[in-house]
Amino acid sequence: MIAVLAAMITAVVGVLGTLFAPLVTHRVSARRRAEEVRMEEARRWFEERRAVYAAMNRASRQFHTLLKDAFHRLRDGVYTDRDREQLEEARLDHRDRYAEAQLIAAEVVLAASRHVNEVLADADAVAKRLDRGVAREGENVEQALLDLNEAEPRLTSMRRVMRENLGITD
């Protein structure tokens, strides 16, 4: 009797194993695929943020560099139409990268970028007024260069915040 009962239990377990094996395999495969999709989405999101941050960092630094060059050229009396065009292109690129970042960047990154933008926008306005000969009282190239120096620690801070947001630590 025990042998018959053991044979029946073995048969039932064997049948159930045969019936449930594909179901278990399917569930395990589905979980694995879902995890792969989640990992791919996280990787894509990271790469998208990294690309936006890199573009915004590059555009901000380029705008800063061209503003500094503009002030030196204005001081030396050799500021040309080509210099004006390059500065305007850098300003527009900086604006576009910031607009793009607004859709994807963390608020802490946008705040850091706004701090940089305050200095760059003010310097750009001063450069244009100096170039047009309509400088306000106290505005001159030397003071503009000093004021523009405030962008450097802000650029460094923005880069640090971007790296932290991406999870990059040193």
N, C-alpha and C. Protein backbone atom coordinates (compact mmCIF):
# COMPACT_ATOMS: atom_id res chain seq x y z
N MET A 1 0.81 -1.18 0.00
CA MET A 1 0.00 0.00 0.00
C MET A 1 0.87 1.27 0.00
N ILE A 2 1.90 1.28 0.82
CA ILE A 2 2.79 2.44 0.86
C ILE A 2 3.48 2.59 -0.48
N ALA A 3 3.85 1.50 -1.09
CA ALA A 3 4.52 1.56 -2.38
C ALA A 3 3.58 2.14 -3.43
N VAL A 4 2.32 1.77 -3.39
CA VAL A 4 1.34 2.29 -4.35
C VAL A 4 1.13 3.77 -4.11
N LEU A 5 1.00 4.14 -2.86
CA LEU A 5 0.81 5.54 -2.51
C LEU A 5 2.02 6.37 -2.93
N ALA A 6 3.20 5.86 -2.71
CA ALA A 6 4.42 6.55 -3.11
C ALA A 6 4.48 6.68 -4.62
N ALA A 7 4.07 5.66 -5.34
CA ALA A 7 4.06 5.70 -6.81
C ALA A 7 3.07 6.73 -7.30
N MET A 8 1.90 6.81 -6.65
CA MET A 8 0.89 7.78 -7.06
C MET A 8 1.38 9.21 -6.79
N ILE A 9 1.99 9.43 -5.64
CA ILE A 9 2.51 10.76 -5.31
C ILE A 9 3.60 11.14 -6.30
N THR A 10 4.45 10.20 -6.61
CA THR A 10 5.52 10.46 -7.57
C THR A 10 4.94 10.80 -8.93
N ALA A 11 3.90 10.08 -9.33
CA ALA A 11 3.26 10.33 -10.62
C ALA A 11 2.61 11.70 -10.65
N VAL A 12 1.91 12.06 -9.56
CA VAL A 12 1.26 13.37 -9.48
C VAL A 12 2.30 14.47 -9.52
N VAL A 13 3.36 14.33 -8.73
CA VAL A 13 4.43 15.34 -8.72
C VAL A 13 5.05 15.44 -10.11
N GLY A 14 5.28 14.34 -10.76
CA GLY A 14 5.86 14.33 -12.10
C GLY A 14 4.95 15.04 -13.09
N VAL A 15 3.66 14.78 -13.03
CA VAL A 15 2.70 15.43 -13.94
C VAL A 15 2.65 16.92 -13.65
N LEU A 16 2.53 17.28 -12.37
CA LEU A 16 2.50 18.71 -12.00
C LEU A 16 3.79 19.41 -12.41
N GLY A 17 4.92 18.73 -12.21
CA GLY A 17 6.20 19.31 -12.63
C GLY A 17 6.24 19.55 -14.12
N THR A 18 5.72 18.58 -14.87
CA THR A 18 5.69 18.72 -16.32
C THR A 18 4.76 19.85 -16.74
N LEU A 19 3.62 19.99 -16.04
CA LEU A 19 2.66 21.05 -16.39
C LEU A 19 3.15 22.43 -15.97
N PHE A 20 3.77 22.52 -14.79
CA PHE A 20 4.18 23.83 -14.28
C PHE A 20 5.56 24.29 -14.75
N ALA A 21 6.40 23.42 -15.25
CA ALA A 21 7.75 23.79 -15.68
C ALA A 21 7.73 24.90 -16.73
N PRO A 22 6.90 24.80 -17.77
CA PRO A 22 6.87 25.90 -18.75
C PRO A 22 6.38 27.21 -18.13
N LEU A 23 5.42 27.12 -17.21
CA LEU A 23 4.90 28.32 -16.57
C LEU A 23 5.99 29.00 -15.74
N VAL A 24 6.72 28.21 -14.96
CA VAL A 24 7.80 28.76 -14.14
C VAL A 24 8.89 29.34 -15.04
N THR A 25 9.25 28.62 -16.09
CA THR A 25 10.27 29.10 -17.03
C THR A 25 9.82 30.41 -17.67
N HIS A 26 8.56 30.49 -18.05
CA HIS A 26 8.02 31.70 -18.68
C HIS A 26 8.09 32.88 -17.70
N ARG A 27 7.71 32.66 -16.44
CA ARG A 27 7.74 33.73 -15.45
C ARG A 27 9.17 34.20 -15.19
N VAL A 28 10.09 33.28 -15.09
CA VAL A 28 11.50 33.64 -14.88
C VAL A 28 12.02 34.44 -16.07
N SER A 29 11.68 34.01 -17.28
CA SER A 29 12.10 34.72 -18.50
C SER A 29 11.49 36.10 -18.56
N ALA A 30 10.22 36.21 -18.21
CA ALA A 30 9.55 37.51 -18.23
C ALA A 30 10.18 38.46 -17.23
N ARG A 31 10.51 37.97 -16.04
CA ARG A 31 11.17 38.82 -15.06
C ARG A 31 12.54 39.26 -15.54
N ARG A 32 13.26 38.35 -16.17
CA ARG A 32 14.59 38.68 -16.69
C ARG A 32 14.48 39.75 -17.78
N ARG A 33 13.52 39.57 -18.69
CA ARG A 33 13.32 40.56 -19.76
C ARG A 33 12.93 41.92 -19.18
N ALA A 34 12.05 41.92 -18.18
CA ALA A 34 11.63 43.18 -17.56
C ALA A 34 12.82 43.87 -16.90
N GLU A 35 13.67 43.10 -16.25
CA GLU A 35 14.87 43.67 -15.63
C GLU A 35 15.82 44.22 -16.69
N GLU A 36 15.97 43.53 -17.80
CA GLU A 36 16.83 44.01 -18.88
C GLU A 36 16.28 45.30 -19.47
N VAL A 37 14.97 45.38 -19.63
CA VAL A 37 14.34 46.60 -20.15
C VAL A 37 14.56 47.75 -19.17
N ARG A 38 14.38 47.48 -17.87
CA ARG A 38 14.59 48.50 -16.86
C ARG A 38 16.03 48.98 -16.85
N MET A 39 16.97 48.06 -16.95
CA MET A 39 18.39 48.43 -16.97
C MET A 39 18.72 49.24 -18.23
N GLU A 40 18.18 48.87 -19.35
CA GLU A 40 18.43 49.60 -20.60
C GLU A 40 17.84 51.00 -20.52
N GLU A 41 16.66 51.12 -19.95
CA GLU A 41 16.02 52.43 -19.78
C GLU A 41 16.87 53.31 -18.85
N ALA A 42 17.36 52.75 -17.77
CA ALA A 42 18.21 53.51 -16.85
C ALA A 42 19.50 53.93 -17.54
N ARG A 43 20.09 53.06 -18.33
CA ARG A 43 21.31 53.40 -19.07
C ARG A 43 21.03 54.50 -20.08
N ARG A 44 19.92 54.41 -20.79
CA ARG A 44 19.55 55.42 -21.80
C ARG A 44 19.31 56.77 -21.12
N TRP A 45 18.62 56.77 -19.99
CA TRP A 45 18.34 57.99 -19.25
C TRP A 45 19.64 58.63 -18.77
N PHE A 46 20.56 57.83 -18.25
CA PHE A 46 21.86 58.33 -17.81
C PHE A 46 22.61 58.96 -18.99
N GLU A 47 22.66 58.27 -20.11
CA GLU A 47 23.39 58.76 -21.28
C GLU A 47 22.77 60.05 -21.81
N GLU A 48 21.45 60.14 -21.76
CA GLU A 48 20.78 61.35 -22.23
C GLU A 48 21.12 62.53 -21.32
N ARG A 49 21.05 62.33 -20.02
CA ARG A 49 21.41 63.40 -19.08
C ARG A 49 22.88 63.77 -19.23
N ARG A 50 23.75 62.77 -19.34
CA ARG A 50 25.18 63.04 -19.50
C ARG A 50 25.44 63.89 -20.73
N ALA A 51 24.79 63.55 -21.84
CA ALA A 51 24.99 64.30 -23.08
C ALA A 51 24.50 65.74 -22.94
N VAL A 52 23.35 65.93 -22.30
CA VAL A 52 22.81 67.28 -22.10
C VAL A 52 23.72 68.08 -21.18
N TYR A 53 24.19 67.45 -20.10
CA TYR A 53 25.07 68.16 -19.18
C TYR A 53 26.39 68.52 -19.85
N ALA A 54 26.93 67.61 -20.62
CA ALA A 54 28.19 67.89 -21.31
C ALA A 54 28.02 69.05 -22.29
N ALA A 55 26.92 69.06 -23.02
CA ALA A 55 26.67 70.14 -23.98
C ALA A 55 26.48 71.48 -23.27
N MET A 56 25.76 71.46 -22.16
CA MET A 56 25.54 72.71 -21.41
C MET A 56 26.85 73.20 -20.80
N ASN A 57 27.64 72.32 -20.25
CA ASN A 57 28.93 72.69 -19.68
C ASN A 57 29.85 73.28 -20.76
N ARG A 58 29.91 72.60 -21.91
CA ARG A 58 30.76 73.06 -23.01
C ARG A 58 30.30 74.44 -23.51
N ALA A 59 29.00 74.61 -23.70
CA ALA A 59 28.48 75.88 -24.22
C ALA A 59 28.72 77.01 -23.23
N SER A 60 28.55 76.75 -21.94
CA SER A 60 28.78 77.78 -20.93
C SER A 60 30.24 78.20 -20.90
N ARG A 61 31.13 77.23 -20.97
CA ARG A 61 32.56 77.54 -20.94
C ARG A 61 33.00 78.26 -22.22
N GLN A 62 32.43 77.88 -23.34
CA GLN A 62 32.77 78.55 -24.60
C GLN A 62 32.29 80.00 -24.58
N PHE A 63 31.09 80.22 -24.10
CA PHE A 63 30.55 81.58 -24.00
C PHE A 63 31.44 82.41 -23.07
N HIS A 64 31.84 81.84 -21.95
CA HIS A 64 32.72 82.52 -21.00
C HIS A 64 34.05 82.91 -21.66
N THR A 65 34.64 81.96 -22.37
CA THR A 65 35.92 82.20 -23.03
C THR A 65 35.81 83.30 -24.07
N LEU A 66 34.74 83.26 -24.87
CA LEU A 66 34.58 84.27 -25.91
C LEU A 66 34.25 85.65 -25.32
N LEU A 67 33.56 85.68 -24.20
CA LEU A 67 33.35 86.97 -23.54
C LEU A 67 34.67 87.56 -23.06
N LYS A 68 35.49 86.71 -22.46
CA LYS A 68 36.80 87.17 -21.98
C LYS A 68 37.62 87.69 -23.17
N ASP A 69 37.62 86.94 -24.27
CA ASP A 69 38.34 87.37 -25.47
C ASP A 69 37.79 88.70 -25.99
N ALA A 70 36.47 88.84 -25.95
CA ALA A 70 35.84 90.08 -26.44
C ALA A 70 36.32 91.28 -25.63
N PHE A 71 36.37 91.12 -24.32
CA PHE A 71 36.82 92.24 -23.48
C PHE A 71 38.28 92.60 -23.77
N HIS A 72 39.11 91.59 -23.96
CA HIS A 72 40.52 91.87 -24.28
C HIS A 72 40.62 92.58 -25.64
N ARG A 73 39.85 92.12 -26.60
CA ARG A 73 39.90 92.74 -27.93
C ARG A 73 39.32 94.16 -27.90
N LEU A 74 38.26 94.34 -27.12
CA LEU A 74 37.71 95.70 -26.98
C LEU A 74 38.76 96.62 -26.36
N ARG A 75 39.41 96.13 -25.34
CA ARG A 75 40.45 96.93 -24.67
C ARG A 75 41.57 97.30 -25.64
N ASP A 76 41.94 96.33 -26.51
CA ASP A 76 43.05 96.55 -27.44
C ASP A 76 42.61 97.24 -28.73
N GLY A 77 41.30 97.48 -28.88
CA GLY A 77 40.80 98.16 -30.07
C GLY A 77 40.84 97.30 -31.32
N VAL A 78 40.77 95.99 -31.18
CA VAL A 78 40.84 95.10 -32.35
C VAL A 78 39.61 94.17 -32.42
N TYR A 79 38.50 94.60 -31.86
CA TYR A 79 37.28 93.80 -31.86
C TYR A 79 36.63 93.90 -33.24
N THR A 80 36.43 92.74 -33.89
CA THR A 80 35.96 92.72 -35.28
C THR A 80 34.54 92.17 -35.39
N ASP A 81 34.00 92.31 -36.59
CA ASP A 81 32.67 91.73 -36.86
C ASP A 81 32.69 90.22 -36.66
N ARG A 82 33.78 89.58 -37.02
CA ARG A 82 33.89 88.12 -36.83
C ARG A 82 33.85 87.77 -35.34
N ASP A 83 34.50 88.59 -34.51
CA ASP A 83 34.45 88.38 -33.06
C ASP A 83 33.02 88.52 -32.55
N ARG A 84 32.32 89.52 -33.06
CA ARG A 84 30.91 89.72 -32.66
C ARG A 84 30.06 88.51 -33.06
N GLU A 85 30.28 88.02 -34.26
CA GLU A 85 29.52 86.85 -34.74
C GLU A 85 29.79 85.62 -33.89
N GLN A 86 31.07 85.39 -33.58
CA GLN A 86 31.41 84.23 -32.75
C GLN A 86 30.79 84.33 -31.37
N LEU A 87 30.83 85.52 -30.80
CA LEU A 87 30.24 85.71 -29.47
C LEU A 87 28.73 85.49 -29.52
N GLU A 88 28.10 85.99 -30.55
CA GLU A 88 26.65 85.81 -30.68
C GLU A 88 26.29 84.34 -30.89
N GLU A 89 27.08 83.63 -31.69
CA GLU A 89 26.85 82.19 -31.87
C GLU A 89 27.00 81.45 -30.55
N ALA A 90 28.00 81.81 -29.76
CA ALA A 90 28.21 81.16 -28.46
C ALA A 90 27.06 81.48 -27.52
N ARG A 91 26.57 82.72 -27.55
CA ARG A 91 25.44 83.09 -26.70
C ARG A 91 24.21 82.28 -27.06
N LEU A 92 23.93 82.17 -28.35
CA LEU A 92 22.76 81.41 -28.80
C LEU A 92 22.90 79.92 -28.48
N ASP A 93 24.11 79.39 -28.63
CA ASP A 93 24.33 77.98 -28.30
C ASP A 93 24.13 77.76 -26.80
N HIS A 94 24.65 78.67 -26.00
CA HIS A 94 24.47 78.59 -24.55
C HIS A 94 22.98 78.62 -24.20
N ARG A 95 22.24 79.52 -24.82
CA ARG A 95 20.80 79.61 -24.57
C ARG A 95 20.09 78.32 -24.97
N ASP A 96 20.45 77.77 -26.13
CA ASP A 96 19.82 76.54 -26.62
C ASP A 96 20.13 75.35 -25.71
N ARG A 97 21.37 75.23 -25.25
CA ARG A 97 21.73 74.11 -24.36
C ARG A 97 20.98 74.22 -23.04
N TYR A 98 20.80 75.45 -22.55
CA TYR A 98 20.06 75.63 -21.30
C TYR A 98 18.59 75.25 -21.52
N ALA A 99 18.03 75.67 -22.63
CA ALA A 99 16.63 75.33 -22.92
C ALA A 99 16.45 73.82 -23.03
N GLU A 100 17.39 73.15 -23.64
CA GLU A 100 17.33 71.69 -23.75
C GLU A 100 17.44 71.04 -22.37
N ALA A 101 18.32 71.58 -21.54
CA ALA A 101 18.52 71.01 -20.21
C ALA A 101 17.29 71.19 -19.33
N GLN A 102 16.51 72.24 -19.55
CA GLN A 102 15.33 72.47 -18.73
C GLN A 102 14.34 71.31 -18.80
N LEU A 103 14.40 70.54 -19.86
CA LEU A 103 13.48 69.43 -20.03
C LEU A 103 13.97 68.14 -19.40
N ILE A 104 15.24 68.10 -19.00
CA ILE A 104 15.79 66.82 -18.53
C ILE A 104 16.61 66.94 -17.26
N ALA A 105 17.18 68.10 -17.01
CA ALA A 105 18.11 68.26 -15.89
C ALA A 105 17.38 68.35 -14.56
N ALA A 106 18.06 67.91 -13.54
CA ALA A 106 17.56 68.05 -12.18
C ALA A 106 17.55 69.53 -11.80
N GLU A 107 16.66 69.90 -10.91
CA GLU A 107 16.54 71.31 -10.51
C GLU A 107 17.84 71.85 -9.93
N VAL A 108 18.58 71.03 -9.21
CA VAL A 108 19.85 71.47 -8.64
C VAL A 108 20.84 71.83 -9.75
N VAL A 109 20.82 71.13 -10.84
CA VAL A 109 21.69 71.44 -11.98
C VAL A 109 21.23 72.73 -12.65
N LEU A 110 19.93 72.89 -12.81
CA LEU A 110 19.42 74.12 -13.42
C LEU A 110 19.74 75.33 -12.55
N ALA A 111 19.66 75.17 -11.24
CA ALA A 111 20.00 76.28 -10.34
C ALA A 111 21.47 76.67 -10.50
N ALA A 112 22.34 75.68 -10.57
CA ALA A 112 23.77 75.96 -10.76
C ALA A 112 24.00 76.65 -12.10
N SER A 113 23.29 76.22 -13.11
CA SER A 113 23.43 76.84 -14.43
C SER A 113 22.91 78.28 -14.42
N ARG A 114 21.83 78.52 -13.70
CA ARG A 114 21.31 79.90 -13.60
C ARG A 114 22.34 80.82 -12.94
N HIS A 115 23.07 80.31 -11.95
CA HIS A 115 24.10 81.12 -11.29
C HIS A 115 25.20 81.49 -12.28
N VAL A 116 25.56 80.56 -13.14
CA VAL A 116 26.56 80.85 -14.19
C VAL A 116 25.98 81.85 -15.17
N ASN A 117 24.74 81.62 -15.58
CA ASN A 117 24.11 82.45 -16.59
C ASN A 117 23.97 83.90 -16.14
N GLU A 118 23.77 84.12 -14.85
CA GLU A 118 23.66 85.50 -14.35
C GLU A 118 24.91 86.30 -14.69
N VAL A 119 26.06 85.72 -14.44
CA VAL A 119 27.33 86.41 -14.70
C VAL A 119 27.55 86.57 -16.19
N LEU A 120 27.30 85.49 -16.96
CA LEU A 120 27.55 85.55 -18.40
C LEU A 120 26.62 86.55 -19.09
N ALA A 121 25.36 86.55 -18.71
CA ALA A 121 24.41 87.49 -19.34
C ALA A 121 24.77 88.93 -19.02
N ASP A 122 25.15 89.18 -17.76
CA ASP A 122 25.56 90.54 -17.40
C ASP A 122 26.80 90.96 -18.19
N ALA A 123 27.77 90.06 -18.30
CA ALA A 123 29.00 90.37 -19.04
C ALA A 123 28.70 90.60 -20.52
N ASP A 124 27.80 89.81 -21.08
CA ASP A 124 27.43 89.97 -22.48
C ASP A 124 26.79 91.34 -22.71
N ALA A 125 25.93 91.75 -21.81
CA ALA A 125 25.28 93.06 -21.94
C ALA A 125 26.32 94.18 -21.87
N VAL A 126 27.27 94.05 -20.95
CA VAL A 126 28.33 95.06 -20.81
C VAL A 126 29.18 95.09 -22.08
N ALA A 127 29.53 93.93 -22.60
CA ALA A 127 30.34 93.87 -23.83
C ALA A 127 29.62 94.59 -24.98
N LYS A 128 28.34 94.36 -25.09
CA LYS A 128 27.58 95.00 -26.18
C LYS A 128 27.54 96.52 -25.98
N ARG A 129 27.34 96.95 -24.75
CA ARG A 129 27.31 98.40 -24.51
C ARG A 129 28.68 99.03 -24.77
N LEU A 130 29.74 98.38 -24.31
CA LEU A 130 31.08 98.90 -24.56
C LEU A 130 31.37 98.96 -26.05
N ASP A 131 30.98 97.91 -26.77
CA ASP A 131 31.21 97.86 -28.21
C ASP A 131 30.46 98.98 -28.93
N ARG A 132 29.27 99.29 -28.47
CA ARG A 132 28.45 100.32 -29.13
C ARG A 132 28.77 101.73 -28.64
N GLY A 133 29.64 101.81 -27.64
CA GLY A 133 30.01 103.12 -27.12
C GLY A 133 28.95 103.73 -26.23
N VAL A 134 28.12 102.91 -25.62
CA VAL A 134 27.06 103.42 -24.75
C VAL A 134 27.18 102.82 -23.34
N ALA A 135 28.41 102.70 -22.88
CA ALA A 135 28.66 102.11 -21.55
C ALA A 135 28.01 102.96 -20.47
N ARG A 136 27.52 102.28 -19.46
CA ARG A 136 26.94 102.96 -18.30
C ARG A 136 28.08 103.49 -17.42
N GLU A 137 27.72 104.34 -16.49
CA GLU A 137 28.72 104.90 -15.60
C GLU A 137 29.39 103.77 -14.82
N GLY A 138 30.72 103.79 -14.82
CA GLY A 138 31.50 102.79 -14.12
C GLY A 138 31.79 101.54 -14.95
N GLU A 139 31.18 101.41 -16.11
CA GLU A 139 31.44 100.25 -16.96
C GLU A 139 32.68 100.50 -17.80
N ASN A 140 33.64 99.60 -17.69
CA ASN A 140 34.83 99.64 -18.51
C ASN A 140 35.35 98.22 -18.64
N VAL A 141 36.29 98.03 -19.52
CA VAL A 141 36.80 96.69 -19.80
C VAL A 141 37.44 96.07 -18.57
N GLU A 142 38.22 96.83 -17.84
CA GLU A 142 38.90 96.27 -16.67
C GLU A 142 37.90 95.76 -15.64
N GLN A 143 36.86 96.56 -15.37
CA GLN A 143 35.85 96.13 -14.40
C GLN A 143 35.05 94.94 -14.94
N ALA A 144 34.79 94.95 -16.22
CA ALA A 144 34.04 93.84 -16.84
C ALA A 144 34.81 92.53 -16.72
N LEU A 145 36.12 92.60 -16.91
CA LEU A 145 36.95 91.40 -16.76
C LEU A 145 36.95 90.91 -15.31
N LEU A 146 37.02 91.85 -14.39
CA LEU A 146 36.96 91.47 -12.97
C LEU A 146 35.61 90.81 -12.64
N ASP A 147 34.55 91.42 -13.13
CA ASP A 147 33.21 90.86 -12.89
C ASP A 147 33.05 89.49 -13.53
N LEU A 148 33.64 89.32 -14.70
CA LEU A 148 33.54 88.04 -15.42
C LEU A 148 34.28 86.92 -14.67
N ASN A 149 35.27 87.28 -13.89
CA ASN A 149 35.99 86.27 -13.10
C ASN A 149 35.07 85.52 -12.15
N GLU A 150 33.95 86.15 -11.78
CA GLU A 150 32.98 85.50 -10.89
C GLU A 150 32.37 84.25 -11.54
N ALA A 151 32.43 84.16 -12.85
CA ALA A 151 31.86 82.99 -13.54
C ALA A 151 32.69 81.73 -13.30
N GLU A 152 33.99 81.88 -13.11
CA GLU A 152 34.86 80.70 -13.00
C GLU A 152 34.49 79.78 -11.83
N PRO A 153 34.34 80.29 -10.61
CA PRO A 153 33.93 79.36 -9.53
C PRO A 153 32.51 78.82 -9.75
N ARG A 154 31.68 79.60 -10.40
CA ARG A 154 30.32 79.14 -10.68
C ARG A 154 30.32 78.03 -11.73
N LEU A 155 31.20 78.16 -12.71
CA LEU A 155 31.34 77.09 -13.71
C LEU A 155 31.84 75.81 -13.05
N THR A 156 32.79 75.94 -12.16
CA THR A 156 33.32 74.78 -11.44
C THR A 156 32.23 74.14 -10.59
N SER A 157 31.46 74.96 -9.92
CA SER A 157 30.37 74.46 -9.08
C SER A 157 29.31 73.76 -9.94
N MET A 158 28.98 74.34 -11.09
CA MET A 158 27.99 73.72 -11.98
C MET A 158 28.47 72.35 -12.44
N ARG A 159 29.73 72.26 -12.82
CA ARG A 159 30.28 70.97 -13.26
C ARG A 159 30.22 69.95 -12.12
N ARG A 160 30.57 70.36 -10.90
CA ARG A 160 30.52 69.47 -9.75
C ARG A 160 29.11 68.96 -9.50
N VAL A 161 28.13 69.86 -9.57
CA VAL A 161 26.73 69.48 -9.35
C VAL A 161 26.27 68.51 -10.44
N MET A 162 26.67 68.76 -11.67
CA MET A 162 26.32 67.85 -12.77
C MET A 162 26.89 66.45 -12.52
N ARG A 163 28.16 66.41 -12.15
CA ARG A 163 28.81 65.11 -11.90
C ARG A 163 28.13 64.38 -10.75
N GLU A 164 27.82 65.11 -9.68
CA GLU A 164 27.13 64.48 -8.55
C GLU A 164 25.78 63.95 -8.97
N ASN A 165 25.06 64.71 -9.79
CA ASN A 165 23.75 64.27 -10.24
C ASN A 165 23.83 63.02 -11.10
N LEU A 166 24.94 62.87 -11.79
CA LEU A 166 25.15 61.67 -12.60
C LEU A 166 25.70 60.50 -11.77
N GLY A 167 26.01 60.77 -10.51
CA GLY A 167 26.54 59.72 -9.64
C GLY A 167 28.03 59.52 -9.79
N ILE A 168 28.71 60.50 -10.35
CA ILE A 168 30.16 60.43 -10.54
C ILE A 168 30.82 61.09 -9.35
N THR A 169 31.61 60.33 -8.62
CA THR A 169 32.31 60.88 -7.46
C THR A 169 33.79 60.55 -7.58
N ASP A 170 34.59 61.40 -7.00
CA ASP A 170 36.04 61.20 -6.99
C ASP A 170 36.52 60.91 -5.60
